[in-house]
Amino acid sequence: MQVILILAIVLIMFGAKKIPELAKGLGKGINEFKKATREVTDEIQNPDTASTTSAQPKTPPANTTAQTTIPAPPAEKKVG
């Protein structure tokens, strides 16, 4: 009974067109999670073979600073 009630609430909140998109996104998320856990398990079981697919965060060298550009304010138009 509770499952039917939850499904009805989800249908009312998101609509029939949005539910397949939500399910697709949920499925992709589950697949990514399974892939990540499988990679970690493989690395734990075989520590001598490093995985080339693991993403290492790239950080800039310590002696450099990140430069950002600030856009100039828009020019004011004089009316008159």
PDB file of N, CA and C in Angstrom:
ATOM      1  N   MET A   1       0.822  -1.190   0.000  1.00  0.00           N
ATOM      2  CA  MET A   1       0.000   0.000   0.000  1.00  0.00           C
ATOM      3  C   MET A   1       0.872   1.262   0.000  1.00  0.00           C
ATOM      4  N   GLN A   2       1.959   1.240   0.818  1.00  0.00           N
ATOM      5  CA  GLN A   2       2.805   2.417   0.904  1.00  0.00           C
ATOM      6  C   GLN A   2       3.525   2.686  -0.419  1.00  0.00           C
ATOM      7  N   VAL A   3       3.904   1.626  -1.129  1.00  0.00           N
ATOM      8  CA  VAL A   3       4.619   1.788  -2.398  1.00  0.00           C
ATOM      9  C   VAL A   3       3.725   2.493  -3.412  1.00  0.00           C
ATOM     10  N   ILE A   4       2.467   2.124  -3.457  1.00  0.00           N
ATOM     11  CA  ILE A   4       1.522   2.745  -4.396  1.00  0.00           C
ATOM     12  C   ILE A   4       1.355   4.219  -4.046  1.00  0.00           C
ATOM     13  N   LEU A   5       1.270   4.526  -2.775  1.00  0.00           N
ATOM     14  CA  LEU A   5       1.133   5.909  -2.338  1.00  0.00           C
ATOM     15  C   LEU A   5       2.366   6.726  -2.714  1.00  0.00           C
ATOM     16  N   ILE A   6       3.542   6.172  -2.512  1.00  0.00           N
ATOM     17  CA  ILE A   6       4.778   6.869  -2.872  1.00  0.00           C
ATOM     18  C   ILE A   6       4.854   7.095  -4.377  1.00  0.00           C
ATOM     19  N   LEU A   7       4.503   6.078  -5.164  1.00  0.00           N
ATOM     20  CA  LEU A   7       4.505   6.232  -6.623  1.00  0.00           C
ATOM     21  C   LEU A   7       3.514   7.292  -7.075  1.00  0.00           C
ATOM     22  N   ALA A   8       2.355   7.346  -6.446  1.00  0.00           N
ATOM     23  CA  ALA A   8       1.357   8.363  -6.794  1.00  0.00           C
ATOM     24  C   ALA A   8       1.873   9.763  -6.475  1.00  0.00           C
ATOM     25  N   ILE A   9       2.545   9.913  -5.334  1.00  0.00           N
ATOM     26  CA  ILE A   9       3.093  11.224  -4.968  1.00  0.00           C
ATOM     27  C   ILE A   9       4.181  11.651  -5.943  1.00  0.00           C
ATOM     28  N   VAL A  10       5.049  10.713  -6.332  1.00  0.00           N
ATOM     29  CA  VAL A  10       6.106  11.012  -7.303  1.00  0.00           C
ATOM     30  C   VAL A  10       5.490  11.406  -8.640  1.00  0.00           C
ATOM     31  N   LEU A  11       4.458  10.716  -9.062  1.00  0.00           N
ATOM     32  CA  LEU A  11       3.792  11.027 -10.328  1.00  0.00           C
ATOM     33  C   LEU A  11       3.172  12.418 -10.285  1.00  0.00           C
ATOM     34  N   ILE A  12       2.575  12.766  -9.175  1.00  0.00           N
ATOM     35  CA  ILE A  12       1.958  14.091  -9.045  1.00  0.00           C
ATOM     36  C   ILE A  12       3.030  15.179  -9.020  1.00  0.00           C
ATOM     37  N   MET A  13       4.127  14.925  -8.296  1.00  0.00           N
ATOM     38  CA  MET A  13       5.161  15.953  -8.161  1.00  0.00           C
ATOM     39  C   MET A  13       5.925  16.212  -9.453  1.00  0.00           C
ATOM     40  N   PHE A  14       6.300  15.158 -10.156  1.00  0.00           N
ATOM     41  CA  PHE A  14       7.165  15.323 -11.318  1.00  0.00           C
ATOM     42  C   PHE A  14       6.444  15.223 -12.650  1.00  0.00           C
ATOM     43  N   GLY A  15       5.328  14.564 -12.718  1.00  0.00           N
ATOM     44  CA  GLY A  15       4.618  14.399 -13.971  1.00  0.00           C
ATOM     45  C   GLY A  15       5.118  13.191 -14.735  1.00  0.00           C
ATOM     46  N   ALA A  16       4.304  12.707 -15.636  1.00  0.00           N
ATOM     47  CA  ALA A  16       4.605  11.470 -16.357  1.00  0.00           C
ATOM     48  C   ALA A  16       5.781  11.627 -17.323  1.00  0.00           C
ATOM     49  N   LYS A  17       6.011  12.825 -17.830  1.00  0.00           N
ATOM     50  CA  LYS A  17       7.094  13.019 -18.798  1.00  0.00           C
ATOM     51  C   LYS A  17       8.467  13.086 -18.123  1.00  0.00           C
ATOM     52  N   LYS A  18       8.511  13.497 -16.883  1.00  0.00           N
ATOM     53  CA  LYS A  18       9.787  13.694 -16.197  1.00  0.00           C
ATOM     54  C   LYS A  18      10.296  12.418 -15.539  1.00  0.00           C
ATOM     55  N   ILE A  19       9.415  11.470 -15.227  1.00  0.00           N
ATOM     56  CA  ILE A  19       9.813  10.259 -14.512  1.00  0.00           C
ATOM     57  C   ILE A  19      10.834   9.425 -15.289  1.00  0.00           C
ATOM     58  N   PRO A  20      10.679   9.197 -16.618  1.00  0.00           N
ATOM     59  CA  PRO A  20      11.717   8.424 -17.328  1.00  0.00           C
ATOM     60  C   PRO A  20      13.091   9.091 -17.296  1.00  0.00           C
ATOM     61  N   GLU A  21      13.122  10.421 -17.348  1.00  0.00           N
ATOM     62  CA  GLU A  21      14.400  11.130 -17.271  1.00  0.00           C
ATOM     63  C   GLU A  21      15.033  10.933 -15.894  1.00  0.00           C
ATOM     64  N   LEU A  22      14.226  10.988 -14.852  1.00  0.00           N
ATOM     65  CA  LEU A  22      14.741  10.776 -13.502  1.00  0.00           C
ATOM     66  C   LEU A  22      15.259   9.353 -13.335  1.00  0.00           C
ATOM     67  N   ALA A  23      14.536   8.383 -13.875  1.00  0.00           N
ATOM     68  CA  ALA A  23      14.961   6.982 -13.771  1.00  0.00           C
ATOM     69  C   ALA A  23      16.258   6.754 -14.542  1.00  0.00           C
ATOM     70  N   LYS A  24      16.393   7.394 -15.698  1.00  0.00           N
ATOM     71  CA  LYS A  24      17.615   7.262 -16.496  1.00  0.00           C
ATOM     72  C   LYS A  24      18.812   7.840 -15.734  1.00  0.00           C
ATOM     73  N   GLY A  25      18.635   8.998 -15.132  1.00  0.00           N
ATOM     74  CA  GLY A  25      19.700   9.605 -14.348  1.00  0.00           C
ATOM     75  C   GLY A  25      20.065   8.759 -13.137  1.00  0.00           C
ATOM     76  N   LEU A  26      19.062   8.182 -12.495  1.00  0.00           N
ATOM     77  CA  LEU A  26      19.312   7.314 -11.347  1.00  0.00           C
ATOM     78  C   LEU A  26      20.080   6.068 -11.775  1.00  0.00           C
ATOM     79  N   GLY A  27      19.722   5.501 -12.918  1.00  0.00           N
ATOM     80  CA  GLY A  27      20.426   4.324 -13.430  1.00  0.00           C
ATOM     81  C   GLY A  27      21.874   4.629 -13.753  1.00  0.00           C
ATOM     82  N   LYS A  28      22.130   5.788 -14.354  1.00  0.00           N
ATOM     83  CA  LYS A  28      23.512   6.176 -14.658  1.00  0.00           C
ATOM     84  C   LYS A  28      24.311   6.367 -13.381  1.00  0.00           C
ATOM     85  N   GLY A  29      23.683   6.950 -12.383  1.00  0.00           N
ATOM     86  CA  GLY A  29      24.356   7.149 -11.113  1.00  0.00           C
ATOM     87  C   GLY A  29      24.718   5.835 -10.443  1.00  0.00           C
ATOM     88  N   ILE A  30      23.800   4.880 -10.494  1.00  0.00           N
ATOM     89  CA  ILE A  30      24.062   3.569  -9.905  1.00  0.00           C
ATOM     90  C   ILE A  30      25.190   2.870 -10.654  1.00  0.00           C
ATOM     91  N   ASN A  31      25.192   2.962 -11.984  1.00  0.00           N
ATOM     92  CA  ASN A  31      26.266   2.345 -12.770  1.00  0.00           C
ATOM     93  C   ASN A  31      27.623   2.970 -12.449  1.00  0.00           C
ATOM     94  N   GLU A  32      27.677   4.294 -12.308  1.00  0.00           N
ATOM     95  CA  GLU A  32      28.931   4.968 -11.959  1.00  0.00           C
ATOM     96  C   GLU A  32      29.411   4.509 -10.581  1.00  0.00           C
ATOM     97  N   PHE A  33      28.486   4.363  -9.639  1.00  0.00           N
ATOM     98  CA  PHE A  33      28.852   3.921  -8.297  1.00  0.00           C
ATOM     99  C   PHE A  33      29.402   2.501  -8.329  1.00  0.00           C
ATOM    100  N   LYS A  34      28.747   1.625  -9.076  1.00  0.00           N
ATOM    101  CA  LYS A  34      29.224   0.242  -9.184  1.00  0.00           C
ATOM    102  C   LYS A  34      30.607   0.193  -9.821  1.00  0.00           C
ATOM    103  N   LYS A  35      30.825   1.010 -10.848  1.00  0.00           N
ATOM    104  CA  LYS A  35      32.117   1.044 -11.525  1.00  0.00           C
ATOM    105  C   LYS A  35      33.204   1.519 -10.567  1.00  0.00           C
ATOM    106  N   ALA A  36      32.902   2.545  -9.793  1.00  0.00           N
ATOM    107  CA  ALA A  36      33.891   3.068  -8.855  1.00  0.00           C
ATOM    108  C   ALA A  36      34.215   2.043  -7.771  1.00  0.00           C
ATOM    109  N   THR A  37      33.204   1.369  -7.252  1.00  0.00           N
ATOM    110  CA  THR A  37      33.472   0.366  -6.214  1.00  0.00           C
ATOM    111  C   THR A  37      34.242  -0.815  -6.774  1.00  0.00           C
ATOM    112  N   ARG A  38      33.970  -1.174  -8.018  1.00  0.00           N
ATOM    113  CA  ARG A  38      34.706  -2.270  -8.653  1.00  0.00           C
ATOM    114  C   ARG A  38      36.169  -1.890  -8.835  1.00  0.00           C
ATOM    115  N   GLU A  39      36.439  -0.641  -9.251  1.00  0.00           N
ATOM    116  CA  GLU A  39      37.815  -0.183  -9.433  1.00  0.00           C
ATOM    117  C   GLU A  39      38.568  -0.169  -8.099  1.00  0.00           C
ATOM    118  N   VAL A  40      37.906   0.295  -7.048  1.00  0.00           N
ATOM    119  CA  VAL A  40      38.556   0.326  -5.738  1.00  0.00           C
ATOM    120  C   VAL A  40      38.843  -1.090  -5.263  1.00  0.00           C
ATOM    121  N   THR A  41      37.892  -1.998  -5.455  1.00  0.00           N
ATOM    122  CA  THR A  41      38.087  -3.388  -5.053  1.00  0.00           C
ATOM    123  C   THR A  41      39.247  -4.009  -5.821  1.00  0.00           C
ATOM    124  N   ASP A  42      39.326  -3.730  -7.126  1.00  0.00           N
ATOM    125  CA  ASP A  42      40.427  -4.256  -7.930  1.00  0.00           C
ATOM    126  C   ASP A  42      41.772  -3.711  -7.458  1.00  0.00           C
ATOM    127  N   GLU A  43      41.821  -2.425  -7.112  1.00  0.00           N
ATOM    128  CA  GLU A  43      43.078  -1.831  -6.641  1.00  0.00           C
ATOM    129  C   GLU A  43      43.487  -2.412  -5.296  1.00  0.00           C
ATOM    130  N   ILE A  44      42.522  -2.708  -4.445  1.00  0.00           N
ATOM    131  CA  ILE A  44      42.843  -3.288  -3.145  1.00  0.00           C
ATOM    132  C   ILE A  44      43.358  -4.712  -3.321  1.00  0.00           C
ATOM    133  N   GLN A  45      42.732  -5.473  -4.205  1.00  0.00           N
ATOM    134  CA  GLN A  45      43.138  -6.858  -4.416  1.00  0.00           C
ATOM    135  C   GLN A  45      44.446  -6.961  -5.176  1.00  0.00           C
ATOM    136  N   ASN A  46      44.719  -6.033  -6.080  1.00  0.00           N
ATOM    137  CA  ASN A  46      45.940  -6.048  -6.889  1.00  0.00           C
ATOM    138  C   ASN A  46      46.660  -4.710  -6.734  1.00  0.00           C
ATOM    139  N   PRO A  47      47.338  -4.481  -5.623  1.00  0.00           N
ATOM    140  CA  PRO A  47      47.958  -3.168  -5.415  1.00  0.00           C
ATOM    141  C   PRO A  47      49.142  -2.892  -6.334  1.00  0.00           C
ATOM    142  N   ASP A  48      49.766  -3.945  -6.899  1.00  0.00           N
ATOM    143  CA  ASP A  48      50.930  -3.726  -7.750  1.00  0.00           C
ATOM    144  C   ASP A  48      50.557  -3.214  -9.134  1.00  0.00           C
ATOM    145  N   THR A  49      49.340  -3.431  -9.591  1.00  0.00           N
ATOM    146  CA  THR A  49      48.906  -2.931 -10.899  1.00  0.00           C
ATOM    147  C   THR A  49      48.034  -1.713 -10.682  1.00  0.00           C
ATOM    148  N   ALA A  50      48.602  -0.551 -10.928  1.00  0.00           N
ATOM    149  CA  ALA A  50      47.863   0.694 -10.741  1.00  0.00           C
ATOM    150  C   ALA A  50      46.891   0.888 -11.890  1.00  0.00           C
ATOM    151  N   SER A  51      45.719   1.337 -11.572  1.00  0.00           N
ATOM    152  CA  SER A  51      44.696   1.578 -12.586  1.00  0.00           C
ATOM    153  C   SER A  51      44.989   2.891 -13.298  1.00  0.00           C
ATOM    154  N   THR A  52      44.930   2.884 -14.620  1.00  0.00           N
ATOM    155  CA  THR A  52      45.168   4.107 -15.383  1.00  0.00           C
ATOM    156  C   THR A  52      43.902   4.926 -15.518  1.00  0.00           C
ATOM    157  N   THR A  53      42.764   4.355 -15.159  1.00  0.00           N
ATOM    158  CA  THR A  53      41.515   5.089 -15.298  1.00  0.00           C
ATOM    159  C   THR A  53      41.187   5.918 -14.079  1.00  0.00           C
ATOM    160  N   SER A  54      41.914   5.741 -12.972  1.00  0.00           N
ATOM    161  CA  SER A  54      41.609   6.527 -11.781  1.00  0.00           C
ATOM    162  C   SER A  54      42.024   7.971 -12.021  1.00  0.00           C
ATOM    163  N   ALA A  55      41.132   8.862 -11.684  1.00  0.00           N
ATOM    164  CA  ALA A  55      41.369  10.278 -11.945  1.00  0.00           C
ATOM    165  C   ALA A  55      42.111  10.893 -10.775  1.00  0.00           C
ATOM    166  N   GLN A  56      43.272  11.444 -11.039  1.00  0.00           N
ATOM    167  CA  GLN A  56      44.043  12.154 -10.042  1.00  0.00           C
ATOM    168  C   GLN A  56      43.735  13.639 -10.215  1.00  0.00           C
ATOM    169  N   PRO A  57      43.384  14.341  -9.147  1.00  0.00           N
ATOM    170  CA  PRO A  57      43.101  15.767  -9.307  1.00  0.00           C
ATOM    171  C   PRO A  57      44.377  16.513  -9.663  1.00  0.00           C
ATOM    172  N   LYS A  58      44.290  17.357 -10.663  1.00  0.00           N
ATOM    173  CA  LYS A  58      45.450  18.117 -11.105  1.00  0.00           C
ATOM    174  C   LYS A  58      45.460  19.449 -10.377  1.00  0.00           C
ATOM    175  N   THR A  59      46.556  19.721  -9.717  1.00  0.00           N
ATOM    176  CA  THR A  59      46.710  20.981  -9.006  1.00  0.00           C
ATOM    177  C   THR A  59      47.814  21.780  -9.673  1.00  0.00           C
ATOM    178  N   PRO A  60      47.676  23.092  -9.667  1.00  0.00           N
ATOM    179  CA  PRO A  60      48.727  23.907 -10.273  1.00  0.00           C
ATOM    180  C   PRO A  60      49.978  23.856  -9.402  1.00  0.00           C
ATOM    181  N   PRO A  61      51.138  24.127  -9.976  1.00  0.00           N
ATOM    182  CA  PRO A  61      52.370  24.154  -9.185  1.00  0.00           C
ATOM    183  C   PRO A  61      52.260  25.166  -8.052  1.00  0.00           C
ATOM    184  N   ALA A  62      52.989  24.919  -6.981  1.00  0.00           N
ATOM    185  CA  ALA A  62      52.869  25.744  -5.779  1.00  0.00           C
ATOM    186  C   ALA A  62      53.364  27.167  -5.987  1.00  0.00           C
ATOM    187  N   ASN A  63      54.300  27.384  -6.901  1.00  0.00           N
ATOM    188  CA  ASN A  63      54.871  28.717  -7.063  1.00  0.00           C
ATOM    189  C   ASN A  63      54.098  29.585  -8.055  1.00  0.00           C
ATOM    190  N   THR A  64      52.991  29.118  -8.569  1.00  0.00           N
ATOM    191  CA  THR A  64      52.201  29.915  -9.498  1.00  0.00           C
ATOM    192  C   THR A  64      50.863  30.249  -8.849  1.00  0.00           C
ATOM    193  N   THR A  65      50.257  31.300  -9.326  1.00  0.00           N
ATOM    194  CA  THR A  65      48.939  31.678  -8.826  1.00  0.00           C
ATOM    195  C   THR A  65      47.957  31.625  -9.982  1.00  0.00           C
ATOM    196  N   ALA A  66      46.746  31.295  -9.646  1.00  0.00           N
ATOM    197  CA  ALA A  66      45.706  31.257 -10.669  1.00  0.00           C
ATOM    198  C   ALA A  66      45.325  32.684 -11.027  1.00  0.00           C
ATOM    199  N   GLN A  67      45.256  32.954 -12.308  1.00  0.00           N
ATOM    200  CA  GLN A  67      44.911  34.293 -12.749  1.00  0.00           C
ATOM    201  C   GLN A  67      43.492  34.268 -13.309  1.00  0.00           C
ATOM    202  N   THR A  68      42.696  35.175 -12.801  1.00  0.00           N
ATOM    203  CA  THR A  68      41.336  35.294 -13.314  1.00  0.00           C
ATOM    204  C   THR A  68      41.177  36.677 -13.902  1.00  0.00           C
ATOM    205  N   THR A  69      40.396  36.759 -14.929  1.00  0.00           N
ATOM    206  CA  THR A  69      40.152  38.050 -15.543  1.00  0.00           C
ATOM    207  C   THR A  69      38.798  38.558 -15.076  1.00  0.00           C
ATOM    208  N   ILE A  70      38.779  39.812 -14.704  1.00  0.00           N
ATOM    209  CA  ILE A  70      37.533  40.435 -14.272  1.00  0.00           C
ATOM    210  C   ILE A  70      37.047  41.281 -15.439  1.00  0.00           C
ATOM    211  N   PRO A  71      35.828  41.040 -15.897  1.00  0.00           N
ATOM    212  CA  PRO A  71      35.325  41.812 -17.027  1.00  0.00           C
ATOM    213  C   PRO A  71      35.120  43.274 -16.638  1.00  0.00           C
ATOM    214  N   ALA A  72      35.353  44.139 -17.590  1.00  0.00           N
ATOM    215  CA  ALA A  72      35.168  45.570 -17.358  1.00  0.00           C
ATOM    216  C   ALA A  72      33.679  45.870 -17.264  1.00  0.00           C
ATOM    217  N   PRO A  73      33.332  46.861 -16.452  1.00  0.00           N
ATOM    218  CA  PRO A  73      31.914  47.211 -16.354  1.00  0.00           C
ATOM    219  C   PRO A  73      31.436  47.793 -17.669  1.00  0.00           C
ATOM    220  N   PRO A  74      30.166  47.639 -17.969  1.00  0.00           N
ATOM    221  CA  PRO A  74      29.658  48.149 -19.246  1.00  0.00           C
ATOM    222  C   PRO A  74      29.735  49.673 -19.289  1.00  0.00           C
ATOM    223  N   ALA A  75      30.002  50.193 -20.470  1.00  0.00           N
ATOM    224  CA  ALA A  75      30.114  51.643 -20.636  1.00  0.00           C
ATOM    225  C   ALA A  75      28.742  52.282 -20.490  1.00  0.00           C
ATOM    226  N   GLU A  76      28.731  53.420 -19.814  1.00  0.00           N
ATOM    227  CA  GLU A  76      27.461  54.118 -19.620  1.00  0.00           C
ATOM    228  C   GLU A  76      27.158  54.961 -20.842  1.00  0.00           C
ATOM    229  N   LYS A  77      25.917  54.929 -21.250  1.00  0.00           N
ATOM    230  CA  LYS A  77      25.489  55.740 -22.385  1.00  0.00           C
ATOM    231  C   LYS A  77      24.861  57.014 -21.848  1.00  0.00           C
ATOM    232  N   LYS A  78      25.294  58.124 -22.400  1.00  0.00           N
ATOM    233  CA  LYS A  78      24.721  59.419 -21.984  1.00  0.00           C
ATOM    234  C   LYS A  78      23.561  59.757 -22.898  1.00  0.00           C
ATOM    235  N   VAL A  79      22.435  59.946 -22.274  1.00  0.00           N
ATOM    236  CA  VAL A  79      21.247  60.317 -23.026  1.00  0.00           C
ATOM    237  C   VAL A  79      21.049  61.805 -22.878  1.00  0.00           C
ATOM    238  N   GLY A  80      20.867  62.463 -23.987  1.00  0.00           N
ATOM    239  CA  GLY A  80      20.601  63.859 -23.778  1.00  0.00           C
ATOM    240  C   GLY A  80      20.962  64.719 -24.871  1.00  0.00           C
TER     241      GLY A  80
END
